[in-house]
C-alpha atoms as a PDB file:
ATOM      1  CA  UNK A   1     152.732 228.761  96.415  1.00  0.00           C
ATOM      2  CA  UNK A   2     156.469 229.267  96.660  1.00  0.00           C
ATOM      3  CA  UNK A   3     159.243 226.836  97.471  1.00  0.00           C
ATOM      4  CA  UNK A   4     157.078 223.842  98.429  1.00  0.00           C
ATOM      5  CA  UNK A   5     155.038 223.968  95.234  1.00  0.00           C
ATOM      6  CA  UNK A   6     158.164 224.556  93.165  1.00  0.00           C
ATOM      7  CA  UNK A   7     159.722 221.527  94.836  1.00  0.00           C
ATOM      8  CA  UNK A   8     156.715 219.355  93.996  1.00  0.00           C
ATOM      9  CA  UNK A   9     156.652 220.677  90.430  1.00  0.00           C
ATOM     10  CA  UNK A  10     160.273 219.684  89.924  1.00  0.00           C
ATOM     11  CA  UNK A  11     159.776 216.328  91.619  1.00  0.00           C
ATOM     12  CA  UNK A  12     156.719 215.583  89.501  1.00  0.00           C
ATOM     13  CA  UNK A  13     158.832 216.073  86.389  1.00  0.00           C
ATOM     14  CA  UNK A  14     161.342 213.527  87.679  1.00  0.00           C
ATOM     15  CA  UNK A  15     159.000 210.941  89.132  1.00  0.00           C
ATOM     16  CA  UNK A  16     156.683 208.831  87.043  1.00  0.00           C
ATOM     17  CA  UNK A  17     153.431 210.801  86.663  1.00  0.00           C
ATOM     18  CA  UNK A  18     150.113 209.095  86.063  1.00  0.00           C
ATOM     19  CA  UNK A  19     148.673 209.340  82.590  1.00  0.00           C
ATOM     20  CA  UNK A  20     145.077 209.176  83.797  1.00  0.00           C
ATOM     21  CA  UNK A  21     142.531 211.918  84.078  1.00  0.00           C
ATOM     22  CA  UNK A  22     139.125 210.300  83.719  1.00  0.00           C
ATOM     23  CA  UNK A  23     137.130 209.119  86.704  1.00  0.00           C
ATOM     24  CA  UNK A  24     137.021 205.505  85.472  1.00  0.00           C
ATOM     25  CA  UNK A  25     140.811 205.391  85.206  1.00  0.00           C
ATOM     26  CA  UNK A  26     141.270 206.730  88.700  1.00  0.00           C
ATOM     27  CA  UNK A  27     138.704 204.343  90.180  1.00  0.00           C
ATOM     28  CA  UNK A  28     140.488 201.433  88.520  1.00  0.00           C
ATOM     29  CA  UNK A  29     143.827 202.552  89.943  1.00  0.00           C
ATOM     30  CA  UNK A  30     142.481 203.025  93.474  1.00  0.00           C
ATOM     31  CA  UNK A  31     140.902 199.575  93.291  1.00  0.00           C
ATOM     32  CA  UNK A  32     144.247 198.120  92.189  1.00  0.00           C
ATOM     33  CA  UNK A  33     145.801 199.662  95.312  1.00  0.00           C
ATOM     34  CA  UNK A  34     143.220 197.968  97.563  1.00  0.00           C
ATOM     35  CA  UNK A  35     141.707 201.332  98.495  1.00  0.00           C
ATOM     36  CA  UNK A  36     138.037 201.879  99.257  1.00  0.00           C
ATOM     37  CA  UNK A  37     136.456 204.518  97.012  1.00  0.00           C
ATOM     38  CA  UNK A  38     133.010 206.112  97.012  1.00  0.00           C
ATOM     39  CA  UNK A  39     131.270 209.112  95.426  1.00  0.00           C
ATOM     40  CA  UNK A  40     131.170 212.469  97.192  1.00  0.00           C
ATOM     41  CA  UNK A  41     128.807 215.291  96.388  1.00  0.00           C
ATOM     42  CA  UNK A  42     130.229 217.317  93.520  1.00  0.00           C
ATOM     43  CA  UNK A  43     130.453 221.081  93.177  1.00  0.00           C
ATOM     44  CA  UNK A  44     128.618 223.408  90.770  1.00  0.00           C
ATOM     45  CA  UNK A  45     129.730 227.035  90.570  1.00  0.00           C
ATOM     46  CA  UNK A  46     131.478 226.687  93.911  1.00  0.00           C
ATOM     47  CA  UNK A  47     128.339 225.322  95.632  1.00  0.00           C
ATOM     48  CA  UNK A  48     128.016 221.787  96.988  1.00  0.00           C
ATOM     49  CA  UNK A  49     125.311 219.666  95.381  1.00  0.00           C
ATOM     50  CA  UNK A  50     124.247 218.241  98.760  1.00  0.00           C
ATOM     51  CA  UNK A  51     121.039 219.157 100.581  1.00  0.00           C
ATOM     52  CA  UNK A  52     122.705 222.057 102.379  1.00  0.00           C
ATOM     53  CA  UNK A  53     123.896 223.649  99.161  1.00  0.00           C
ATOM     54  CA  UNK A  54     125.570 226.999  99.706  1.00  0.00           C
ATOM     55  CA  UNK A  55     125.361 226.552 103.496  1.00  0.00           C
ATOM     56  CA  UNK A  56     127.652 223.516 103.275  1.00  0.00           C
ATOM     57  CA  UNK A  57     130.710 225.812 103.194  1.00  0.00           C
ATOM     58  CA  UNK A  58     133.705 224.044 104.790  1.00  0.00           C
ATOM     59  CA  UNK A  59     132.539 220.574 103.715  1.00  0.00           C
ATOM     60  CA  UNK A  60     131.764 221.538 100.118  1.00  0.00           C
ATOM     61  CA  UNK A  61     132.484 218.562  97.891  1.00  0.00           C
ATOM     62  CA  UNK A  62     133.843 216.536 100.800  1.00  0.00           C
ATOM     63  CA  UNK A  63     131.078 214.260 102.097  1.00  0.00           C
ATOM     64  CA  UNK A  64     129.683 210.957 100.801  1.00  0.00           C
ATOM     65  CA  UNK A  65     126.532 210.615  98.739  1.00  0.00           C
ATOM     66  CA  UNK A  66     125.936 207.054  99.959  1.00  0.00           C
ATOM     67  CA  UNK A  67     126.675 205.213 103.179  1.00  0.00           C
ATOM     68  CA  UNK A  68     129.810 203.219 102.461  1.00  0.00           C
ATOM     69  CA  UNK A  69     130.628 201.625 105.851  1.00  0.00           C
ATOM     70  CA  UNK A  70     134.228 200.880 104.973  1.00  0.00           C
ATOM     71  CA  UNK A  71     133.369 199.138 101.698  1.00  0.00           C
ATOM     72  CA  UNK A  72     133.460 200.488  98.171  1.00  0.00           C
ATOM     73  CA  UNK A  73     130.064 201.813  97.120  1.00  0.00           C
ATOM     74  CA  UNK A  74     128.952 202.413  93.555  1.00  0.00           C
ATOM     75  CA  UNK A  75     131.562 204.096  91.394  1.00  0.00           C
ATOM     76  CA  UNK A  76     131.456 207.892  91.183  1.00  0.00           C
ATOM     77  CA  UNK A  77     130.161 209.609  88.062  1.00  0.00           C
ATOM     78  CA  UNK A  78     132.156 212.232  86.215  1.00  0.00           C
ATOM     79  CA  UNK A  79     130.153 214.996  87.948  1.00  0.00           C
ATOM     80  CA  UNK A  80     130.882 213.601  91.427  1.00  0.00           C
ATOM     81  CA  UNK A  81     133.886 214.079  93.618  1.00  0.00           C
ATOM     82  CA  UNK A  82     135.722 210.969  94.743  1.00  0.00           C
ATOM     83  CA  UNK A  83     136.464 209.947  98.321  1.00  0.00           C
ATOM     84  CA  UNK A  84     138.994 207.418  99.567  1.00  0.00           C
ATOM     85  CA  UNK A  85     138.764 205.714 102.956  1.00  0.00           C
ATOM     86  CA  UNK A  86     141.919 206.201 105.020  1.00  0.00           C
ATOM     87  CA  UNK A  87     141.299 203.043 107.059  1.00  0.00           C
ATOM     88  CA  UNK A  88     144.456 201.528 105.576  1.00  0.00           C
ATOM     89  CA  UNK A  89     146.282 204.807 104.955  1.00  0.00           C
ATOM     90  CA  UNK A  90     148.019 207.569 106.874  1.00  0.00           C
ATOM     91  CA  UNK A  91     147.660 210.793 104.899  1.00  0.00           C
ATOM     92  CA  UNK A  92     149.640 213.865 105.909  1.00  0.00           C
ATOM     93  CA  UNK A  93     147.502 216.878 104.953  1.00  0.00           C
ATOM     94  CA  UNK A  94     149.425 220.138 104.517  1.00  0.00           C
ATOM     95  CA  UNK A  95     147.305 223.288 104.573  1.00  0.00           C
ATOM     96  CA  UNK A  96     149.268 225.693 102.398  1.00  0.00           C
ATOM     97  CA  UNK A  97     152.863 225.563 101.255  1.00  0.00           C
ATOM     98  CA  UNK A  98     154.960 223.625 103.780  1.00  0.00           C
ATOM     99  CA  UNK A  99     158.240 224.596 102.152  1.00  0.00           C
ATOM    100  CA  UNK A 100     161.112 222.426 100.974  1.00  0.00           C
ATOM    101  CA  UNK A 101     162.639 222.014 104.436  1.00  0.00           C
ATOM    102  CA  UNK A 102     159.457 220.502 105.866  1.00  0.00           C
ATOM    103  CA  UNK A 103     158.731 218.349 102.813  1.00  0.00           C
ATOM    104  CA  UNK A 104     162.252 216.965 102.935  1.00  0.00           C
ATOM    105  CA  UNK A 105     161.464 215.329 106.293  1.00  0.00           C
ATOM    106  CA  UNK A 106     158.916 213.012 104.675  1.00  0.00           C
ATOM    107  CA  UNK A 107     159.867 210.071 102.428  1.00  0.00           C
ATOM    108  CA  UNK A 108     158.738 210.346  98.820  1.00  0.00           C
ATOM    109  CA  UNK A 109     155.361 208.756  98.206  1.00  0.00           C
ATOM    110  CA  UNK A 110     152.176 209.177  96.164  1.00  0.00           C
ATOM    111  CA  UNK A 111     151.384 212.886  96.499  1.00  0.00           C
ATOM    112  CA  UNK A 112     148.345 214.923  95.484  1.00  0.00           C
ATOM    113  CA  UNK A 113     147.660 218.632  95.467  1.00  0.00           C
ATOM    114  CA  UNK A 114     144.482 220.054  97.002  1.00  0.00           C
ATOM    115  CA  UNK A 115     142.940 223.470  96.564  1.00  0.00           C
ATOM    116  CA  UNK A 116     145.464 224.966  98.969  1.00  0.00           C
ATOM    117  CA  UNK A 117     148.022 222.349  99.942  1.00  0.00           C
ATOM    118  CA  UNK A 118     149.230 218.768  99.575  1.00  0.00           C
ATOM    119  CA  UNK A 119     148.335 215.228 100.642  1.00  0.00           C
ATOM    120  CA  UNK A 120     151.176 212.764 101.217  1.00  0.00           C
ATOM    121  CA  UNK A 121     149.740 209.228 101.103  1.00  0.00           C
ATOM    122  CA  UNK A 122     151.361 206.434 103.155  1.00  0.00           C
ATOM    123  CA  UNK A 123     150.352 202.844 103.783  1.00  0.00           C
ATOM    124  CA  UNK A 124     149.188 202.289 107.351  1.00  0.00           C
ATOM    125  CA  UNK A 125     151.077 199.867 109.569  1.00  0.00           C
ATOM    126  CA  UNK A 126     149.224 196.826 110.981  1.00  0.00           C
ATOM    127  CA  UNK A 127     151.186 197.358 114.204  1.00  0.00           C
ATOM    128  CA  UNK A 128     149.368 200.562 115.145  1.00  0.00           C
ATOM    129  CA  UNK A 129     146.043 202.173 114.262  1.00  0.00           C
ATOM    130  CA  UNK A 130     146.650 205.891 113.859  1.00  0.00           C
ATOM    131  CA  UNK A 131     144.159 208.497 115.013  1.00  0.00           C
ATOM    132  CA  UNK A 132     142.934 211.182 112.597  1.00  0.00           C
ATOM    133  CA  UNK A 133     143.838 214.607 113.926  1.00  0.00           C
ATOM    134  CA  UNK A 134     143.161 218.240 113.091  1.00  0.00           C
ATOM    135  CA  UNK A 135     146.197 220.490 113.669  1.00  0.00           C
ATOM    136  CA  UNK A 136     148.561 217.668 114.619  1.00  0.00           C
ATOM    137  CA  UNK A 137     151.147 220.334 113.975  1.00  0.00           C
ATOM    138  CA  UNK A 138     150.554 223.897 112.744  1.00  0.00           C
ATOM    139  CA  UNK A 139     148.754 223.633 109.400  1.00  0.00           C
ATOM    140  CA  UNK A 140     149.236 219.848 109.288  1.00  0.00           C
ATOM    141  CA  UNK A 141     146.297 217.444 109.718  1.00  0.00           C
ATOM    142  CA  UNK A 142     146.403 213.656 109.797  1.00  0.00           C
ATOM    143  CA  UNK A 143     143.819 211.491 108.030  1.00  0.00           C
ATOM    144  CA  UNK A 144     143.890 207.885 109.195  1.00  0.00           C
ATOM    145  CA  UNK A 145     141.638 205.156 110.642  1.00  0.00           C
ATOM    146  CA  UNK A 146     137.962 206.050 110.240  1.00  0.00           C
ATOM    147  CA  UNK A 147     138.628 209.055 108.020  1.00  0.00           C
ATOM    148  CA  UNK A 148     138.562 209.945 104.353  1.00  0.00           C
ATOM    149  CA  UNK A 149     140.374 212.118 101.837  1.00  0.00           C
ATOM    150  CA  UNK A 150     139.113 213.778  98.704  1.00  0.00           C
ATOM    151  CA  UNK A 151     141.118 212.374  95.811  1.00  0.00           C
ATOM    152  CA  UNK A 152     141.902 213.126  92.147  1.00  0.00           C
ATOM    153  CA  UNK A 153     140.161 213.915  89.867  1.00  0.00           C
ATOM    154  CA  UNK A 154     137.792 215.724  92.275  1.00  0.00           C
ATOM    155  CA  UNK A 155     137.055 219.423  92.102  1.00  0.00           C
ATOM    156  CA  UNK A 156     137.845 221.834  94.921  1.00  0.00           C
ATOM    157  CA  UNK A 157     135.515 224.632  96.005  1.00  0.00           C
ATOM    158  CA  UNK A 158     138.246 227.107  95.045  1.00  0.00           C
ATOM    159  CA  UNK A 159     137.680 226.155  91.408  1.00  0.00           C
ATOM    160  CA  UNK A 160     140.780 223.994  91.073  1.00  0.00           C
ATOM    161  CA  UNK A 161     141.078 220.219  91.057  1.00  0.00           C
ATOM    162  CA  UNK A 162     142.760 217.604  93.205  1.00  0.00           C
ATOM    163  CA  UNK A 163     145.734 216.482  91.104  1.00  0.00           C
ATOM    164  CA  UNK A 164     148.425 213.850  91.279  1.00  0.00           C
ATOM    165  CA  UNK A 165     151.737 215.735  91.421  1.00  0.00           C
ATOM    166  CA  UNK A 166     154.372 213.163  92.390  1.00  0.00           C
ATOM    167  CA  UNK A 167     155.085 209.559  93.319  1.00  0.00           C
ATOM    168  CA  UNK A 168     154.357 206.359  91.450  1.00  0.00           C
ATOM    169  CA  UNK A 169     153.322 204.309  94.503  1.00  0.00           C
ATOM    170  CA  UNK A 170     152.035 204.598  98.067  1.00  0.00           C
ATOM    171  CA  UNK A 171     154.969 203.965 100.390  1.00  0.00           C
ATOM    172  CA  UNK A 172     154.776 202.513 103.939  1.00  0.00           C
ATOM    173  CA  UNK A 173     154.356 205.076 106.695  1.00  0.00           C
ATOM    174  CA  UNK A 174     157.857 205.935 107.981  1.00  0.00           C
ATOM    175  CA  UNK A 175     158.678 204.593 111.427  1.00  0.00           C
ATOM    176  CA  UNK A 176     159.502 208.014 112.882  1.00  0.00           C
ATOM    177  CA  UNK A 177     156.054 209.283 111.882  1.00  0.00           C
ATOM    178  CA  UNK A 178     154.377 206.137 113.186  1.00  0.00           C
ATOM    179  CA  UNK A 179     156.127 206.646 116.533  1.00  0.00           C
ATOM    180  CA  UNK A 180     155.069 210.295 116.786  1.00  0.00           C
ATOM    181  CA  UNK A 181     151.411 209.940 115.859  1.00  0.00           C
ATOM    182  CA  UNK A 182     148.853 209.082 118.563  1.00  0.00           C
ATOM    183  CA  UNK A 183     147.035 205.791 118.456  1.00  0.00           C
ATOM    184  CA  UNK A 184     143.467 205.561 117.296  1.00  0.00           C
ATOM    185  CA  UNK A 185     140.510 205.394 118.247  1.00  0.00           C
ATOM    186  CA  UNK A 186     136.900 206.125 118.828  1.00  0.00           C
ATOM    187  CA  UNK A 187     136.792 203.725 121.754  1.00  0.00           C
ATOM    188  CA  UNK A 188     139.223 205.974 123.593  1.00  0.00           C
ATOM    189  CA  UNK A 189     137.569 209.275 122.703  1.00  0.00           C
ATOM    190  CA  UNK A 190     135.642 211.179 125.305  1.00  0.00           C
ATOM    191  CA  UNK A 191     132.375 210.495 123.461  1.00  0.00           C
ATOM    192  CA  UNK A 192     130.700 207.585 125.177  1.00  0.00           C
ATOM    193  CA  UNK A 193     133.045 207.791 128.146  1.00  0.00           C
ATOM    194  CA  UNK A 194     134.089 211.038 129.849  1.00  0.00           C
ATOM    195  CA  UNK A 195     131.269 213.041 128.299  1.00  0.00           C
ATOM    196  CA  UNK A 196     128.448 210.557 127.882  1.00  0.00           C
ATOM    197  CA  UNK A 197     129.286 207.993 130.571  1.00  0.00           C
ATOM    198  CA  UNK A 198     127.449 205.197 128.752  1.00  0.00           C
ATOM    199  CA  UNK A 199     128.882 201.936 130.023  1.00  0.00           C
ATOM    200  CA  UNK A 200     126.136 199.405 129.329  1.00  0.00           C
ATOM    201  CA  UNK A 201     125.596 197.543 126.072  1.00  0.00           C
ATOM    202  CA  UNK A 202     122.358 197.608 124.103  1.00  0.00           C
ATOM    203  CA  UNK A 203     119.562 195.326 125.273  1.00  0.00           C
ATOM    204  CA  UNK A 204     119.086 192.662 122.541  1.00  0.00           C
ATOM    205  CA  UNK A 205     115.443 193.520 122.042  1.00  0.00           C
ATOM    206  CA  UNK A 206     116.399 197.128 121.246  1.00  0.00           C
ATOM    207  CA  UNK A 207     119.050 196.298 118.620  1.00  0.00           C
ATOM    208  CA  UNK A 208     116.687 197.139 115.721  1.00  0.00           C
ATOM    209  CA  UNK A 209     116.147 200.625 117.153  1.00  0.00           C
ATOM    210  CA  UNK A 210     119.890 201.136 117.228  1.00  0.00           C
ATOM    211  CA  UNK A 211     120.053 200.140 113.568  1.00  0.00           C
ATOM    212  CA  UNK A 212     117.326 202.663 112.759  1.00  0.00           C
ATOM    213  CA  UNK A 213     119.257 205.494 114.439  1.00  0.00           C
ATOM    214  CA  UNK A 214     122.395 204.667 112.482  1.00  0.00           C
ATOM    215  CA  UNK A 215     120.516 204.420 109.189  1.00  0.00           C
ATOM    216  CA  UNK A 216     118.754 207.749 109.783  1.00  0.00           C
ATOM    217  CA  UNK A 217     122.129 209.389 110.453  1.00  0.00           C
ATOM    218  CA  UNK A 218     123.527 208.027 107.190  1.00  0.00           C
ATOM    219  CA  UNK A 219     120.456 209.346 105.346  1.00  0.00           C
ATOM    220  CA  UNK A 220     120.513 212.684 107.195  1.00  0.00           C
ATOM    221  CA  UNK A 221     117.873 215.282 106.431  1.00  0.00           C
ATOM    222  CA  UNK A 222     117.590 219.049 107.110  1.00  0.00           C
ATOM    223  CA  UNK A 223     121.255 219.259 108.169  1.00  0.00           C
ATOM    224  CA  UNK A 224     123.813 216.807 109.494  1.00  0.00           C
ATOM    225  CA  UNK A 225     124.186 218.544 112.854  1.00  0.00           C
ATOM    226  CA  UNK A 226     120.438 218.848 113.402  1.00  0.00           C
ATOM    227  CA  UNK A 227     119.933 215.215 112.447  1.00  0.00           C
ATOM    228  CA  UNK A 228     122.706 214.092 114.798  1.00  0.00           C
ATOM    229  CA  UNK A 229     121.304 216.199 117.635  1.00  0.00           C
ATOM    230  CA  UNK A 230     117.806 214.731 117.163  1.00  0.00           C
ATOM    231  CA  UNK A 231     119.124 211.175 117.022  1.00  0.00           C
ATOM    232  CA  UNK A 232     121.454 211.854 119.942  1.00  0.00           C
ATOM    233  CA  UNK A 233     118.486 212.927 122.070  1.00  0.00           C
ATOM    234  CA  UNK A 234     116.643 209.717 121.190  1.00  0.00           C
ATOM    235  CA  UNK A 235     119.727 207.689 122.018  1.00  0.00           C
ATOM    236  CA  UNK A 236     120.283 209.249 125.450  1.00  0.00           C
ATOM    237  CA  UNK A 237     116.614 208.905 126.357  1.00  0.00           C
ATOM    238  CA  UNK A 238     116.910 205.157 125.766  1.00  0.00           C
ATOM    239  CA  UNK A 239     120.388 204.937 127.306  1.00  0.00           C
ATOM    240  CA  UNK A 240     119.059 206.523 130.512  1.00  0.00           C
ATOM    241  CA  UNK A 241     116.867 203.459 131.065  1.00  0.00           C
ATOM    242  CA  UNK A 242     119.575 201.002 129.936  1.00  0.00           C
ATOM    243  CA  UNK A 243     117.950 200.058 126.635  1.00  0.00           C
ATOM    244  CA  UNK A 244     120.633 201.443 124.320  1.00  0.00           C
ATOM    245  CA  UNK A 245     124.331 201.263 125.066  1.00  0.00           C
ATOM    246  CA  UNK A 246     127.882 202.125 124.070  1.00  0.00           C
ATOM    247  CA  UNK A 247     127.800 199.889 120.979  1.00  0.00           C
ATOM    248  CA  UNK A 248     125.007 201.936 119.396  1.00  0.00           C
ATOM    249  CA  UNK A 249     126.756 205.169 120.367  1.00  0.00           C
ATOM    250  CA  UNK A 250     129.939 204.016 118.599  1.00  0.00           C
ATOM    251  CA  UNK A 251     127.913 203.060 115.501  1.00  0.00           C
ATOM    252  CA  UNK A 252     126.122 206.430 115.546  1.00  0.00           C
ATOM    253  CA  UNK A 253     129.469 208.198 115.854  1.00  0.00           C
ATOM    254  CA  UNK A 254     130.815 206.247 112.887  1.00  0.00           C
ATOM    255  CA  UNK A 255     127.732 207.060 110.800  1.00  0.00           C
ATOM    256  CA  UNK A 256     128.167 210.764 111.577  1.00  0.00           C
ATOM    257  CA  UNK A 257     131.829 210.562 110.524  1.00  0.00           C
ATOM    258  CA  UNK A 258     130.734 209.086 107.193  1.00  0.00           C
ATOM    259  CA  UNK A 259     128.512 212.114 106.517  1.00  0.00           C
ATOM    260  CA  UNK A 260     131.603 214.332 106.640  1.00  0.00           C
ATOM    261  CA  UNK A 261     131.214 215.757 110.152  1.00  0.00           C
ATOM    262  CA  UNK A 262     134.461 216.122 112.070  1.00  0.00           C
ATOM    263  CA  UNK A 263     135.018 214.257 115.354  1.00  0.00           C
ATOM    264  CA  UNK A 264     134.995 217.548 117.275  1.00  0.00           C
ATOM    265  CA  UNK A 265     131.656 218.571 115.733  1.00  0.00           C
ATOM    266  CA  UNK A 266     130.188 215.188 116.611  1.00  0.00           C
ATOM    267  CA  UNK A 267     131.431 215.382 120.195  1.00  0.00           C
ATOM    268  CA  UNK A 268     129.951 218.840 120.728  1.00  0.00           C
ATOM    269  CA  UNK A 269     126.605 217.874 119.187  1.00  0.00           C
ATOM    270  CA  UNK A 270     126.299 214.652 121.173  1.00  0.00           C
ATOM    271  CA  UNK A 271     127.263 216.422 124.376  1.00  0.00           C
ATOM    272  CA  UNK A 272     124.518 219.003 123.743  1.00  0.00           C
ATOM    273  CA  UNK A 273     122.042 216.182 123.095  1.00  0.00           C
ATOM    274  CA  UNK A 274     123.004 214.418 126.328  1.00  0.00           C
ATOM    275  CA  UNK A 275     122.588 217.597 128.372  1.00  0.00           C
ATOM    276  CA  UNK A 276     119.191 218.338 126.833  1.00  0.00           C
ATOM    277  CA  UNK A 277     117.476 215.100 127.934  1.00  0.00           C
END
């Protein structure tokens, strides 16, 4: 890192820096900030401790152990990583060193370092639900409604840790950023609409089946993508005869998000499932 990291290092010396390093201390602080926390699979020798192990790759240490559904699950252990729901946050995720000029555009707020960049944490505005985005701008992602971030004191697959580097509080999302970012949400995504064209709602008698599909996704086996594809096929078979509808599809999408799959991965997998039935 060059200028951006140097900037954060200087700022961290000037701002109040947290005197907490243990998991229990961090969990207590996140709870005090009204943030939803939950354990993520930890990392051993650079390998994720999930079912996929070494094959996990890009999601190493980044997906939940338990289904959390927007509510705090059991507290993480010291060997776990720690996830924070971004339902009430807007997190600007810099991949790499953004440089002082870029960082200067963003108001000071609670800031953490990742294995290869920075997270700037802002409070979401009740006036607008922001959509999580990959590559909102070059090397800048947005984590917002329906998403999660890996938080201190988690370990990164690179061998480093997620650390607090600056900011004593989470500031409101600046208005200029709120104006620029697209509005959420899943209901407007192509899944369930342009791609899937599922307009009907679930028949009441089939509601338990919908619950089963969602639960199986949250307790995925073999691999997340394979599980989603299998469940997607079952969904579209039932949707074709108007037994399952858009409500179950939205719940299935949300369950897949909670496993750590990206929206784009979910869209591609569900589209493949729809075309296969």
